[in-house]
């Protein structure tokens, strides 16, 4: 892949187009090996789960730091704008970054992001100096509002988080890509197979964010490698440009019914 085809997030350049989560792995050793084999350069961390201010995740935190990756704290588990802003400020202080993955849950059953308050939360965080990466549904109007609020990266779901169902609504995701050509788009949540990642890139998405698909695989390390290959295949396929779709068959051999060794012979 061309060295100029890097992923750009808020002005920073990355060679990998996969962001990876740090939850749900069977052990810290497996988590670390899976992250390394994914070739990801950005890892998400949750302040609520790891509680570094109380040394609750000290071993975890040391292992994450040893990887030398860019950290993307999230606001997982927040149900209000106030909770989001408070947690984001704490994360900025502890993880020493102004990047924040905005998660604001609106429904506990399917963990759907709150579309009503998400834009307000993004606007507030941007005013506070954060670089916001909002996790949202595949609603075009919502994505446009988030882009208008100043979000340079938007992360619509493929399908509900943790389901592994893949891209439930490719048409909606394609419309978002078409209408927001200058926004970095990341598929976040719902992917379960490397083929799902390929499909996301073929739609023109810039990156994917994975956690459950790797952490809950039978062999997380092997699955991390598989997704790394899928990211490259999908991106290269998108850049290569697919052939036109047709409604009728077209022969791959232009001349039918004449052996090629007869084609140069003069006709009587």
Foldseek 3Di string as FASTA:
>chain_A
DDPVLFDAAPRDTHNFQEEEEQDQAPDLVLSLLLVVLLSDQEYEDECVVQVVVVPSNVVSVVSVVVVVGHYEYELPPAAALVSQVVRQVVCCVPVVALHYEYAHADDPPLRAGDLVCQLVSLLVSVVVPHQYEYEHALAQVSLVSNVVSPHLEYEHELGGAPPQQARPCLPSNLVNCVVCVRGQYEHEGNHQALVSLLSNVLSVHRHYYDYCNQRVDPRNNVRSNSNSVSNVNSNVDNVVDDDDDDPDDDDPDPDPPDPPVCPPPDDD
